[in-house]
Every structure is written in C-alpha cells, then in structure tokens.
C-alpha atoms as a PDB file:
ATOM      1  CA  MET A   1     -20.842   0.850  -5.276  1.00  0.00           C
ATOM      2  CA  PRO A   2     -24.235   1.478  -3.740  1.00  0.00           C
ATOM      3  CA  ASP A   3     -24.167   3.783  -0.709  1.00  0.00           C
ATOM      4  CA  GLN A   4     -27.187   2.289   1.043  1.00  0.00           C
ATOM      5  CA  ILE A   5     -25.471  -0.607   2.761  1.00  0.00           C
ATOM      6  CA  ILE A   6     -25.335  -1.709   6.376  1.00  0.00           C
ATOM      7  CA  ILE A   7     -22.420  -3.619   7.866  1.00  0.00           C
ATOM      8  CA  ARG A   8     -23.442  -5.319  11.091  1.00  0.00           C
ATOM      9  CA  LYS A   9     -22.486  -8.198  13.339  1.00  0.00           C
ATOM     10  CA  TYR A  10     -23.606 -11.650  12.288  1.00  0.00           C
ATOM     11  CA  THR A  11     -26.597 -13.152  14.105  1.00  0.00           C
ATOM     12  CA  SER A  12     -27.782 -16.760  13.965  1.00  0.00           C
ATOM     13  CA  SER A  13     -30.759 -15.620  11.869  1.00  0.00           C
ATOM     14  CA  ASP A  14     -28.250 -14.868   9.052  1.00  0.00           C
ATOM     15  CA  GLN A  15     -27.039 -18.473   8.857  1.00  0.00           C
ATOM     16  CA  ASP A  16     -29.439 -19.623   6.119  1.00  0.00           C
ATOM     17  CA  SER A  17     -28.495 -16.658   3.896  1.00  0.00           C
ATOM     18  CA  ILE A  18     -24.800 -17.317   4.412  1.00  0.00           C
ATOM     19  CA  LEU A  19     -25.134 -21.030   3.677  1.00  0.00           C
ATOM     20  CA  GLU A  20     -27.012 -20.175   0.490  1.00  0.00           C
ATOM     21  CA  MET A  21     -24.229 -17.749  -0.446  1.00  0.00           C
ATOM     22  CA  LEU A  22     -21.721 -20.558   0.146  1.00  0.00           C
ATOM     23  CA  ARG A  23     -23.750 -22.849  -2.112  1.00  0.00           C
ATOM     24  CA  LEU A  24     -23.808 -20.210  -4.849  1.00  0.00           C
ATOM     25  CA  ASN A  25     -20.011 -19.813  -4.584  1.00  0.00           C
ATOM     26  CA  THR A  26     -19.356 -23.576  -4.735  1.00  0.00           C
ATOM     27  CA  PRO A  27     -17.363 -24.954  -6.529  1.00  0.00           C
ATOM     28  CA  ALA A  28     -15.915 -21.699  -7.928  1.00  0.00           C
ATOM     29  CA  TYR A  29     -14.464 -20.532  -4.591  1.00  0.00           C
ATOM     30  CA  PHE A  30     -15.284 -23.219  -2.019  1.00  0.00           C
ATOM     31  CA  ALA A  31     -15.309 -27.007  -1.948  1.00  0.00           C
ATOM     32  CA  PRO A  32     -18.610 -28.727  -1.088  1.00  0.00           C
ATOM     33  CA  GLU A  33     -17.064 -30.339   1.997  1.00  0.00           C
ATOM     34  CA  GLU A  34     -16.353 -26.896   3.516  1.00  0.00           C
ATOM     35  CA  LYS A  35     -20.011 -26.434   4.463  1.00  0.00           C
ATOM     36  CA  GLY A  36     -19.544 -28.285   7.773  1.00  0.00           C
ATOM     37  CA  ASP A  37     -16.517 -26.134   8.617  1.00  0.00           C
ATOM     38  CA  LEU A  38     -18.511 -22.977   7.971  1.00  0.00           C
ATOM     39  CA  ILE A  39     -21.417 -24.162  10.130  1.00  0.00           C
ATOM     40  CA  ASN A  40     -18.956 -24.952  12.933  1.00  0.00           C
ATOM     41  CA  TYR A  41     -17.354 -21.524  12.536  1.00  0.00           C
ATOM     42  CA  LEU A  42     -20.714 -19.723  12.635  1.00  0.00           C
ATOM     43  CA  ASN A  43     -21.842 -21.688  15.679  1.00  0.00           C
ATOM     44  CA  ASN A  44     -18.610 -21.423  17.662  1.00  0.00           C
ATOM     45  CA  HIS A  45     -16.284 -18.665  16.404  1.00  0.00           C
ATOM     46  CA  SER A  46     -18.429 -15.869  14.955  1.00  0.00           C
ATOM     47  CA  GLU A  47     -17.851 -13.155  17.569  1.00  0.00           C
ATOM     48  CA  ASN A  48     -16.025 -11.067  14.926  1.00  0.00           C
ATOM     49  CA  TYR A  49     -18.121 -12.058  11.912  1.00  0.00           C
ATOM     50  CA  PHE A  50     -20.099  -9.492   9.928  1.00  0.00           C
ATOM     51  CA  VAL A  51     -22.656  -9.292   7.166  1.00  0.00           C
ATOM     52  CA  VAL A  52     -23.309  -6.635   4.555  1.00  0.00           C
ATOM     53  CA  GLU A  53     -26.949  -5.845   3.916  1.00  0.00           C
ATOM     54  CA  TYR A  54     -28.073  -4.153   0.734  1.00  0.00           C
ATOM     55  CA  GLY A  55     -31.770  -3.503   0.724  1.00  0.00           C
ATOM     56  CA  LYS A  56     -33.062  -6.347   2.835  1.00  0.00           C
ATOM     57  CA  ALA A  57     -30.651  -8.935   1.445  1.00  0.00           C
ATOM     58  CA  VAL A  58     -27.401 -10.213   2.947  1.00  0.00           C
ATOM     59  CA  VAL A  59     -25.008  -9.789   0.008  1.00  0.00           C
ATOM     60  CA  SER A  60     -21.602 -10.326   1.608  1.00  0.00           C
ATOM     61  CA  CYS A  61     -20.061 -11.662   4.795  1.00  0.00           C
ATOM     62  CA  GLY A  62     -16.693 -12.122   6.434  1.00  0.00           C
ATOM     63  CA  GLY A  63     -14.911 -12.002   9.733  1.00  0.00           C
ATOM     64  CA  PHE A  64     -11.614 -12.129  11.527  1.00  0.00           C
ATOM     65  CA  ASN A  65     -10.130 -14.237  14.291  1.00  0.00           C
ATOM     66  CA  TYR A  66      -7.008 -14.371  16.402  1.00  0.00           C
ATOM     67  CA  SER A  67      -4.401 -16.770  15.133  1.00  0.00           C
ATOM     68  CA  ASP A  68      -2.420 -19.077  17.384  1.00  0.00           C
ATOM     69  CA  GLU A  69       0.541 -16.823  16.574  1.00  0.00           C
ATOM     70  CA  LYS A  70       0.632 -13.921  19.036  1.00  0.00           C
ATOM     71  CA  GLY A  71      -0.414 -10.592  17.536  1.00  0.00           C
ATOM     72  CA  VAL A  72      -1.726 -12.079  14.287  1.00  0.00           C
ATOM     73  CA  ILE A  73      -5.306 -11.803  13.083  1.00  0.00           C
ATOM     74  CA  ARG A  74      -6.737 -13.915  10.262  1.00  0.00           C
ATOM     75  CA  ILE A  75      -9.428 -12.752   7.868  1.00  0.00           C
ATOM     76  CA  SER A  76     -12.088 -15.489   7.823  1.00  0.00           C
ATOM     77  CA  TRP A  77     -14.819 -16.825   5.547  1.00  0.00           C
ATOM     78  CA  ASP A  78     -15.159 -13.977   3.046  1.00  0.00           C
ATOM     79  CA  MET A  79     -17.997 -14.309   0.552  1.00  0.00           C
ATOM     80  CA  VAL A  80     -20.048 -12.176  -1.794  1.00  0.00           C
ATOM     81  CA  ASP A  81     -23.275 -13.326  -3.393  1.00  0.00           C
ATOM     82  CA  PRO A  82     -22.358 -13.920  -7.067  1.00  0.00           C
ATOM     83  CA  GLN A  83     -25.007 -11.516  -8.367  1.00  0.00           C
ATOM     84  CA  TYR A  84     -23.352  -8.731  -6.316  1.00  0.00           C
ATOM     85  CA  GLN A  85     -19.708  -9.555  -7.036  1.00  0.00           C
ATOM     86  CA  GLY A  86     -17.678  -6.742  -8.556  1.00  0.00           C
ATOM     87  CA  MET A  87     -19.815  -4.035  -6.954  1.00  0.00           C
ATOM     88  CA  GLY A  88     -17.456  -3.271  -4.054  1.00  0.00           C
ATOM     89  CA  PHE A  89     -19.331  -4.981  -1.227  1.00  0.00           C
ATOM     90  CA  GLY A  90     -16.431  -7.302  -0.393  1.00  0.00           C
ATOM     91  CA  SER A  91     -13.927  -4.452  -0.532  1.00  0.00           C
ATOM     92  CA  ARG A  92     -16.046  -2.293   1.758  1.00  0.00           C
ATOM     93  CA  LEU A  93     -16.337  -5.141   4.268  1.00  0.00           C
ATOM     94  CA  THR A  94     -12.577  -5.783   4.114  1.00  0.00           C
ATOM     95  CA  GLU A  95     -11.846  -2.101   4.774  1.00  0.00           C
ATOM     96  CA  PHE A  96     -14.308  -2.149   7.697  1.00  0.00           C
ATOM     97  CA  ARG A  97     -12.525  -5.146   9.231  1.00  0.00           C
ATOM     98  CA  ILE A  98      -9.072  -3.635   8.713  1.00  0.00           C
ATOM     99  CA  GLU A  99     -10.174  -0.542  10.645  1.00  0.00           C
ATOM    100  CA  MET A 100     -11.557  -2.710  13.457  1.00  0.00           C
ATOM    101  CA  ILE A 101      -8.370  -4.790  13.599  1.00  0.00           C
ATOM    102  CA  LYS A 102      -6.192  -1.662  13.737  1.00  0.00           C
ATOM    103  CA  GLN A 103      -7.929  -0.657  16.966  1.00  0.00           C
ATOM    104  CA  LEU A 104      -7.322  -3.975  18.734  1.00  0.00           C
ATOM    105  CA  PRO A 105      -4.535  -4.087  21.321  1.00  0.00           C
ATOM    106  CA  ASN A 106      -1.485  -6.278  20.745  1.00  0.00           C
ATOM    107  CA  VAL A 107      -2.027  -6.721  17.004  1.00  0.00           C
ATOM    108  CA  LYS A 108       0.893  -6.444  14.612  1.00  0.00           C
ATOM    109  CA  LYS A 109       0.051  -3.196  12.837  1.00  0.00           C
ATOM    110  CA  ASP A 110       2.138  -4.088   9.790  1.00  0.00           C
ATOM    111  CA  LEU A 111      -0.310  -6.937   9.186  1.00  0.00           C
ATOM    112  CA  CYS A 112      -3.140  -4.422   8.724  1.00  0.00           C
ATOM    113  CA  GLN A 113      -0.986  -2.434   6.325  1.00  0.00           C
ATOM    114  CA  ASN A 114      -0.187  -5.601   4.353  1.00  0.00           C
ATOM    115  CA  ILE A 115      -3.894  -6.430   4.012  1.00  0.00           C
ATOM    116  CA  ALA A 116      -4.695  -2.862   2.948  1.00  0.00           C
ATOM    117  CA  THR A 117      -1.845  -2.922   0.419  1.00  0.00           C
ATOM    118  CA  CYS A 118      -3.053  -6.234  -1.029  1.00  0.00           C
ATOM    119  CA  LEU A 119      -6.559  -4.809  -1.384  1.00  0.00           C
ATOM    120  CA  GLN A 120      -5.115  -1.793  -3.231  1.00  0.00           C
ATOM    121  CA  VAL A 121      -3.165  -4.051  -5.609  1.00  0.00           C
ATOM    122  CA  LEU A 122      -6.252  -6.175  -6.307  1.00  0.00           C
ATOM    123  CA  ARG A 123      -8.207  -3.016  -7.142  1.00  0.00           C
ATOM    124  CA  THR A 124      -5.421  -1.849  -9.447  1.00  0.00           C
ATOM    125  CA  ILE A 125      -5.571  -5.064 -11.455  1.00  0.00           C
ATOM    126  CA  ARG A 126      -9.398  -4.978 -11.213  1.00  0.00           C
ATOM    127  CA  ILE A 127      -9.924  -8.155  -9.216  1.00  0.00           C
ATOM    128  CA  CYS A 128     -11.758  -6.137  -6.557  1.00  0.00           C
ATOM    129  CA  THR A 129     -13.771  -2.972  -7.018  1.00  0.00           C
END
C-alpha cells in the first residue's frame, strides 16, 4: 500500500471524480439506477464523507451516517477506483472511519469492533488488502 495518501473530507469539487468512480464500478458493484441516490447523498448527507487522494487523483471514497436506530452508525457509499482496487486504499479508509466513529458519543462501541473484525476476516481471506 502506498504511503503517500491523503484522507480528507469530501468537497463538492470531488463530485465528478466520485461519479466517474461509480460509473467504473457499475455494474460490478452498483446498479446504474443508484447514481441518483449517490448524487442526493453527496448533496444532502455528506458531512461525514471522505475521499482518499493518491498523487492528485481521488482513488477511493466512503462515509458514515447515523442510523435511525439509536447508537448505530452506518458505513456509506464505499468505492475504490478499479485500477486501485486491492492496494489497501479501501481498507485504510475503513480503518480511518472506524477510529472516527469510536470517538463519537453515544455510539455502540461493539459495532466498531464488529466492523474491525469483519475487515480482519476479509483480509485473512484476501478480499481486502
């Protein structure tokens, strides 16, 4: 995994890169009709959405949001540009979000542990790196 990455908050100037990443991951991971949902999410619910920059390119993105269920956080809209999949960018972003979620008040801490455990299992069977 390259060390020279930046994880930062999403800005509206990232939207075109993210929509292109969605296109590149459709239909393998997303349905074409999900594009409108993603645009809505980026325009209205992206306060905890992040991008991973490698060089000057946005290579991964993902966020988290509060669920309607008290104390539960949902991981949202995870993507990695196909040419960068398997290089650890998605895993690094997931770990970053887990650490942020752990610091939030009133969040079920076992949820963070479950996400971290799932990530470990996926690495073990080589789905994530």
